[in-house]
Amino acid sequence: MKALVALILLVQLPIHKAVPAAPPAPLGCDDPESEAAAEVAVSYINGHSHHGYKFALNRIENIRVLPQGLNDDIIFLELDLLETTCHVLSPMPLANCTVRSFTQHAVEGDCDVKLQKLDGKLSVLASKCHSHADSSEDVLRLCPDCPLLASLNNTEVLTTVTAALNDHNSKTADAYLRLLEIGRAKIQYYPVHIVSVEFAVAATNCTAEEAKDNVEACQLLPDDQSNFGFCTAKMLTRPSKDLRVDCQLYGHQTVFLFQPGVTYSQTGQDTSAGLVPSVVQGFTNHNLRLSHNNPIASESSSSEFPISMLSVKSVAKRAVAEVAQHDKVPHPVGFVPPPPPCPGKIRHFKI
């Protein structure tokens, strides 16, 4: 009988279930962990871009973290980038590269990046980007006299690049340079007519003097000897004529970054100074999409995120609502409502 009573009492004892640990609070876009992931992502984007210029972080738009296991997370980033003055071939560290100003007709990049953080180490799994120049209307509204970006295959642009490179090769005793790609061009129409160009070059196995006899025999140096460079030029055509050219070679780099992947032929153009990549026809800037177009980089295209996962954007909306609620009640003097976790701060300017 005593045993039966004890059994009944035991059954009636409250059952204490283990309470699962609360999930960690979602990262904010300006949290140190988010900025560390963005730094790795931007470095990857610049290191794997085959055309155009390096980009700098302007803003972290969103971040999502999906735990995979012990010390293993998948991270999705949405980044807003801005073009710098450093070509992707330049060995200049990104921290020393200048972001082009708004009045220089800025180019913006939008990127989705998928990373893995395993045992504290970040690595990029996929990237998807596109980039575009700011609208001409926006630039002219702020700076009516500022020259705008011109198409990279504009006739005046091609003429200026050819003249500039021929001019450099005719005056140097060093290696004969060939054109890799035109990076950027602008045309000013008033009060004087000026065509400004920027273009990437590479040294060949000929000296400029040797190239005069047989330019077709001059080939780009092999990867283990490659020497890339960058040129800027301005051609004044009206009211007088003038051409100014400046070319700088970077020296051999152990990592071969430039992978054109395009046909360097264009009929009807003087190609003695090099050939223009057909990929840029009709465009004012090199699109990051050419180098970064992996759909699994986007959170919406990934099967790893269940629909029930709480996004930072949802948390942001909730935070804004909470701030609004706080505004309805009195607060101590000096009270500052917490900012929403995303999007993050703008580091340069908004396009």
Protein backbone atom coordinates (compact mmCIF):
# COMPACT_ATOMS: atom_id res chain seq x y z
CA MET A 1 0.00 0.00 0.00
CA LYS A 2 2.82 2.38 0.92
CA ALA A 3 4.49 1.57 -2.37
CA LEU A 4 1.29 2.40 -4.28
CA VAL A 5 0.93 5.75 -2.49
CA ALA A 6 4.55 6.60 -3.22
CA LEU A 7 4.04 5.75 -6.89
CA ILE A 8 0.95 7.98 -7.10
CA LEU A 9 2.81 10.87 -5.45
CA LEU A 10 5.72 10.39 -7.83
CA VAL A 11 3.46 10.53 -10.86
CA GLN A 12 1.88 13.73 -9.59
CA LEU A 13 5.22 15.53 -9.24
CA PRO A 14 5.61 18.34 -11.80
CA ILE A 15 7.63 17.32 -14.80
CA HIS A 16 10.44 19.79 -15.47
CA LYS A 17 11.39 19.89 -19.13
CA ALA A 18 14.67 21.32 -20.26
CA VAL A 19 14.11 24.83 -21.57
CA PRO A 20 16.00 25.43 -24.82
CA ALA A 21 18.46 28.28 -24.75
CA ALA A 22 17.21 31.45 -26.34
CA PRO A 23 18.69 32.06 -29.79
CA PRO A 24 21.34 34.78 -29.91
CA ALA A 25 20.16 38.23 -30.87
CA PRO A 26 20.54 38.90 -34.60
CA LEU A 27 23.58 40.88 -35.63
CA GLY A 28 23.18 44.54 -36.41
CA CYS A 29 24.71 45.87 -39.61
CA ASP A 30 27.22 48.01 -37.72
CA ASP A 31 28.25 45.32 -35.22
CA PRO A 32 31.96 44.44 -35.28
CA GLU A 33 31.17 40.89 -36.42
CA SER A 34 29.18 42.24 -39.36
CA GLU A 35 31.91 44.66 -40.35
CA ALA A 36 34.51 41.87 -40.17
CA ALA A 37 32.40 39.74 -42.51
CA ALA A 38 31.92 42.70 -44.87
CA GLU A 39 35.67 43.33 -44.97
CA VAL A 40 36.30 39.73 -46.04
CA ALA A 41 33.51 39.96 -48.62
CA VAL A 42 34.82 43.20 -50.18
CA SER A 43 38.35 41.79 -50.32
CA TYR A 44 37.00 38.72 -52.12
CA ILE A 45 35.02 40.83 -54.59
CA ASN A 46 38.03 42.95 -55.49
CA GLY A 47 40.34 39.95 -55.66
CA HIS A 48 38.03 38.10 -58.04
CA SER A 49 37.02 40.99 -60.30
CA HIS A 50 38.56 40.73 -63.76
CA HIS A 51 37.69 44.18 -65.11
CA GLY A 52 37.36 47.76 -63.95
CA TYR A 53 38.16 49.14 -60.54
CA LYS A 54 38.31 48.13 -56.91
CA PHE A 55 35.24 48.92 -54.81
CA ALA A 56 35.04 50.13 -51.22
CA LEU A 57 32.32 49.44 -48.68
CA ASN A 58 29.76 52.19 -48.40
CA ARG A 59 27.06 50.50 -46.34
CA ILE A 60 26.00 47.12 -45.01
CA GLU A 61 22.37 46.88 -46.07
CA ASN A 62 21.49 43.61 -44.38
CA ILE A 63 22.96 40.54 -42.68
CA ARG A 64 21.49 37.12 -41.96
CA VAL A 65 23.12 34.37 -39.95
CA LEU A 66 22.12 30.71 -40.11
CA PRO A 67 23.77 28.43 -37.53
CA GLN A 68 24.87 25.12 -39.04
CA GLY A 69 26.37 23.49 -35.99
CA LEU A 70 29.00 24.00 -33.36
CA ASN A 71 31.15 26.98 -34.41
CA ASP A 72 29.72 26.82 -37.93
CA ASP A 73 27.55 29.60 -39.39
CA ILE A 74 26.38 30.55 -42.86
CA ILE A 75 26.22 34.34 -43.34
CA PHE A 76 24.35 36.26 -46.03
CA LEU A 77 25.38 39.87 -46.63
CA GLU A 78 23.84 42.61 -48.73
CA LEU A 79 26.43 45.31 -49.44
CA ASP A 80 26.43 48.76 -51.01
CA LEU A 81 29.81 49.57 -52.57
CA LEU A 82 31.40 52.56 -54.33
CA GLU A 83 34.03 52.56 -57.07
CA THR A 84 37.54 53.75 -56.21
CA THR A 85 40.31 55.17 -58.38
CA CYS A 86 42.37 51.95 -58.10
CA HIS A 87 42.17 49.52 -60.99
CA VAL A 88 41.75 45.86 -60.04
CA LEU A 89 45.33 45.26 -61.21
CA SER A 90 46.74 47.88 -58.87
CA PRO A 91 48.72 46.51 -55.90
CA MET A 92 47.60 49.52 -53.86
CA PRO A 93 45.85 48.36 -50.66
CA LEU A 94 42.17 49.20 -50.69
CA ALA A 95 42.56 51.36 -47.59
CA ASN A 96 44.75 53.70 -49.66
CA CYS A 97 42.39 53.85 -52.64
CA THR A 98 40.28 56.98 -53.04
CA VAL A 99 36.53 56.62 -53.48
CA ARG A 100 35.39 58.64 -56.47
CA SER A 101 33.33 61.63 -55.44
CA PHE A 102 29.73 62.18 -56.40
CA THR A 103 30.67 64.92 -58.85
CA GLN A 104 33.14 62.60 -60.59
CA HIS A 105 30.12 60.58 -61.72
CA ALA A 106 30.29 57.86 -59.12
CA VAL A 107 29.67 54.18 -59.79
CA GLU A 108 27.76 52.11 -57.23
CA GLY A 109 27.95 48.37 -56.69
CA ASP A 110 25.27 46.20 -55.10
CA CYS A 111 26.44 42.80 -53.92
CA ASP A 112 25.01 39.73 -52.25
CA VAL A 113 27.68 37.59 -50.61
CA LYS A 114 27.40 34.20 -48.95
CA LEU A 115 30.07 33.35 -46.38
CA GLN A 116 30.85 30.58 -43.94
CA LYS A 117 32.26 31.18 -40.48
CA LEU A 118 33.86 27.93 -39.34
CA ASP A 119 35.78 27.81 -36.08
CA GLY A 120 36.03 31.59 -36.18
CA LYS A 121 37.44 31.75 -39.73
CA LEU A 122 35.47 33.53 -42.47
CA SER A 123 35.49 32.38 -46.07
CA VAL A 124 33.38 33.42 -49.08
CA LEU A 125 31.26 30.75 -50.74
CA ALA A 126 29.57 32.81 -53.46
CA SER A 127 29.08 36.39 -54.70
CA LYS A 128 26.55 38.09 -56.93
CA CYS A 129 26.89 41.76 -57.89
CA HIS A 130 25.91 44.41 -60.35
CA SER A 131 27.22 47.95 -60.69
CA HIS A 132 25.97 51.07 -62.39
CA ALA A 133 26.86 54.73 -62.75
CA ASP A 134 24.77 57.34 -60.99
CA SER A 135 22.20 59.00 -63.22
CA SER A 136 23.39 61.96 -65.29
CA GLU A 137 20.51 64.00 -63.94
CA ASP A 138 21.70 63.58 -60.35
CA VAL A 139 25.24 64.67 -61.22
CA LEU A 140 24.16 67.68 -63.27
CA ARG A 141 21.72 68.80 -60.60
CA LEU A 142 24.60 69.17 -58.15
CA CYS A 143 27.28 70.14 -60.66
CA PRO A 144 25.89 71.49 -63.96
CA ASP A 145 29.35 71.90 -65.52
CA CYS A 146 30.78 68.50 -64.54
CA PRO A 147 31.63 66.18 -67.46
CA LEU A 148 29.75 62.89 -67.53
CA LEU A 149 30.88 59.35 -68.18
CA ALA A 150 31.10 58.44 -71.86
CA SER A 151 30.61 55.04 -73.45
CA LEU A 152 33.81 53.07 -73.39
CA ASN A 153 33.56 52.44 -77.14
CA ASN A 154 32.76 56.06 -78.01
CA THR A 155 34.69 57.06 -81.14
CA GLU A 156 36.38 60.02 -79.43
CA VAL A 157 37.33 57.81 -76.51
CA LEU A 158 38.89 55.17 -78.75
CA THR A 159 40.75 57.83 -80.71
CA THR A 160 42.15 59.37 -77.51
CA VAL A 161 43.27 56.03 -76.08
CA THR A 162 45.01 55.06 -79.32
CA ALA A 163 46.74 58.44 -79.59
CA ALA A 164 47.77 58.40 -75.94
CA LEU A 165 49.29 54.92 -76.02
CA ASN A 166 51.05 55.57 -79.32
CA ASP A 167 52.41 58.80 -77.86
CA HIS A 168 53.75 56.99 -74.78
CA ASN A 169 55.32 54.17 -76.80
CA SER A 170 56.97 56.64 -79.16
CA LYS A 171 58.73 58.44 -76.31
CA THR A 172 59.81 55.60 -74.02
CA ALA A 173 62.96 53.49 -74.16
CA ASP A 174 61.33 50.84 -71.98
CA ALA A 175 58.94 48.01 -72.82
CA TYR A 176 56.33 48.47 -75.51
CA LEU A 177 52.91 48.63 -73.87
CA ARG A 178 49.68 47.09 -75.12
CA LEU A 179 46.16 47.99 -74.11
CA LEU A 180 44.32 45.63 -71.80
CA GLU A 181 41.10 47.58 -71.37
CA ILE A 182 39.62 51.04 -71.18
CA GLY A 183 38.48 51.61 -67.64
CA ARG A 184 36.76 54.97 -67.68
CA ALA A 185 36.16 57.95 -69.96
CA LYS A 186 34.58 61.40 -69.75
CA ILE A 187 33.98 64.11 -72.32
CA GLN A 188 33.80 67.80 -71.50
CA TYR A 189 32.15 69.91 -74.19
CA TYR A 190 32.25 73.44 -72.74
CA PRO A 191 34.06 75.84 -72.46
CA VAL A 192 36.75 73.64 -74.10
CA HIS A 193 36.44 70.18 -75.63
CA ILE A 194 38.42 67.65 -73.57
CA VAL A 195 38.34 63.87 -73.67
CA SER A 196 39.68 62.23 -70.49
CA VAL A 197 40.45 58.50 -70.44
CA GLU A 198 41.84 55.89 -68.09
CA PHE A 199 43.08 52.52 -69.32
CA ALA A 200 44.97 49.45 -68.17
CA VAL A 201 48.09 48.31 -70.02
CA ALA A 202 50.60 45.48 -69.97
CA ALA A 203 54.26 45.29 -70.93
CA THR A 204 55.30 43.13 -73.86
CA ASN A 205 58.49 41.23 -74.64
CA CYS A 206 59.61 44.04 -76.97
CA THR A 207 61.14 47.39 -76.33
CA ALA A 208 59.35 50.33 -77.87
CA GLU A 209 62.21 50.61 -80.40
CA GLU A 210 61.92 46.93 -81.40
CA ALA A 211 58.17 47.31 -81.84
CA LYS A 212 58.74 49.84 -84.62
CA ASP A 213 60.10 47.09 -86.87
CA ASN A 214 57.56 44.36 -86.14
CA VAL A 215 54.83 45.26 -83.66
CA GLU A 216 52.93 42.02 -84.36
CA ALA A 217 55.78 40.05 -82.83
CA CYS A 218 55.38 41.82 -79.49
CA GLN A 219 53.51 39.57 -77.10
CA LEU A 220 52.38 40.05 -73.51
CA LEU A 221 54.83 38.70 -70.97
CA PRO A 222 54.05 35.29 -69.44
CA ASP A 223 52.34 35.14 -66.06
CA ASP A 224 55.58 34.64 -64.14
CA GLN A 225 56.98 37.86 -65.64
CA SER A 226 53.82 39.92 -66.15
CA ASN A 227 54.00 43.65 -65.62
CA PHE A 228 50.74 45.57 -65.67
CA GLY A 229 50.17 49.28 -65.50
CA PHE A 230 47.70 52.10 -65.74
CA CYS A 231 47.51 55.19 -67.90
CA THR A 232 45.56 58.43 -67.79
CA ALA A 233 45.31 60.84 -70.68
CA LYS A 234 43.58 64.07 -71.66
CA MET A 235 43.14 65.22 -75.21
CA LEU A 236 42.17 68.82 -75.90
CA THR A 237 40.66 69.21 -79.37
CA ARG A 238 39.08 72.66 -79.26
CA PRO A 239 39.91 75.52 -79.37
CA SER A 240 43.50 74.22 -79.68
CA LYS A 241 45.02 70.73 -79.70
CA ASP A 242 46.99 69.18 -76.88
CA LEU A 243 47.61 65.65 -75.52
CA ARG A 244 48.88 64.77 -72.06
CA VAL A 245 49.65 61.19 -71.09
CA ASP A 246 50.86 59.57 -67.88
CA CYS A 247 51.56 55.81 -67.67
CA GLN A 248 52.79 53.96 -64.60
CA LEU A 249 53.77 50.28 -64.45
CA TYR A 250 53.07 48.39 -61.25
CA GLY A 251 55.96 45.94 -61.54
CA HIS A 252 55.63 42.17 -61.51
CA GLN A 253 53.01 40.75 -59.18
CA THR A 254 53.09 37.19 -57.92
CA VAL A 255 49.33 36.81 -58.34
CA PHE A 256 47.95 37.09 -61.86
CA LEU A 257 44.67 38.93 -61.43
CA PHE A 258 43.69 39.98 -64.91
CA GLN A 259 41.68 37.37 -66.78
CA PRO A 260 40.11 39.12 -69.76
CA GLY A 261 38.07 36.26 -71.19
CA VAL A 262 37.06 38.45 -74.14
CA THR A 263 38.06 38.80 -77.76
CA TYR A 264 40.41 41.71 -78.25
CA SER A 265 39.51 42.55 -81.81
CA GLN A 266 37.42 45.30 -83.24
CA THR A 267 37.31 45.97 -86.95
CA GLY A 268 37.70 49.48 -88.27
CA GLN A 269 39.93 50.70 -85.44
CA ASP A 270 43.61 51.47 -85.42
CA THR A 271 44.91 48.68 -83.22
CA SER A 272 48.59 49.57 -83.24
CA ALA A 273 48.29 50.59 -79.61
CA GLY A 274 46.25 47.57 -78.55
CA LEU A 275 42.74 46.32 -78.98
CA VAL A 276 39.52 47.25 -77.28
CA PRO A 277 37.56 44.53 -75.44
CA SER A 278 34.22 44.03 -77.14
CA VAL A 279 32.61 43.37 -73.77
CA VAL A 280 32.40 47.10 -72.98
CA GLN A 281 30.55 48.23 -76.11
CA GLY A 282 27.85 50.75 -75.30
CA PHE A 283 28.55 50.88 -71.56
CA THR A 284 30.05 53.60 -69.40
CA ASN A 285 31.46 51.27 -66.74
CA HIS A 286 32.53 47.68 -66.26
CA ASN A 287 29.71 45.80 -64.56
CA LEU A 288 30.65 43.71 -61.53
CA ARG A 289 28.17 41.16 -62.82
CA LEU A 290 30.78 40.01 -65.35
CA SER A 291 32.89 38.60 -62.50
CA HIS A 292 30.29 37.95 -59.80
CA ASN A 293 27.07 36.24 -60.87
CA ASN A 294 26.54 33.22 -58.62
CA PRO A 295 22.82 33.01 -57.76
CA ILE A 296 23.36 31.04 -54.54
CA ALA A 297 24.96 34.16 -53.04
CA SER A 298 21.49 35.65 -52.63
CA GLU A 299 19.52 34.71 -49.56
CA SER A 300 16.32 34.42 -51.62
CA SER A 301 17.96 31.84 -53.88
CA SER A 302 19.30 29.70 -51.07
CA SER A 303 17.55 26.59 -49.77
CA GLU A 304 19.42 26.84 -46.49
CA PHE A 305 17.16 29.48 -44.98
CA PRO A 306 13.74 28.25 -43.81
CA ILE A 307 10.97 30.77 -44.23
CA SER A 308 10.48 30.86 -40.47
CA MET A 309 13.93 32.34 -39.88
CA LEU A 310 13.73 35.81 -38.37
CA SER A 311 15.42 38.35 -40.63
CA VAL A 312 17.28 41.41 -39.51
CA LYS A 313 14.90 43.47 -41.64
CA SER A 314 12.00 42.14 -39.56
CA VAL A 315 13.87 42.99 -36.40
CA ALA A 316 14.55 46.45 -37.82
CA LYS A 317 10.86 47.03 -38.38
CA ARG A 318 10.14 45.87 -34.86
CA ALA A 319 12.86 48.14 -33.47
CA VAL A 320 11.41 51.12 -35.30
CA ALA A 321 7.99 50.31 -33.88
CA GLU A 322 9.48 50.06 -30.39
CA VAL A 323 11.18 53.43 -30.81
CA ALA A 324 7.89 54.92 -31.90
CA GLN A 325 6.23 53.42 -28.82
CA HIS A 326 8.99 54.85 -26.61
CA ASP A 327 8.30 58.28 -28.05
CA LYS A 328 4.79 58.15 -26.58
CA VAL A 329 6.03 57.88 -23.00
CA PRO A 330 8.20 60.34 -21.08
CA HIS A 331 11.94 59.63 -20.92
CA PRO A 332 14.82 61.05 -18.91
CA VAL A 333 16.59 64.08 -20.31
CA GLY A 334 19.22 62.99 -22.82
CA PHE A 335 17.48 59.74 -23.73
CA VAL A 336 18.53 58.48 -27.15
CA PRO A 337 16.37 55.78 -28.74
CA PRO A 338 18.29 52.76 -30.05
CA PRO A 339 18.85 52.71 -33.81
CA PRO A 340 17.43 49.87 -35.90
CA PRO A 341 20.01 47.12 -36.49
CA CYS A 342 19.92 47.45 -40.30
CA PRO A 343 20.72 49.03 -42.68
CA GLY A 344 24.03 50.26 -41.33
CA LYS A 345 25.74 53.61 -41.46
CA ILE A 346 26.74 55.30 -44.72
CA ARG A 347 30.52 55.61 -44.88
CA HIS A 348 30.81 57.94 -47.87
CA PHE A 349 27.61 59.18 -49.55
CA LYS A 350 24.35 57.81 -50.81
CA ILE A 351 23.58 57.53 -54.51
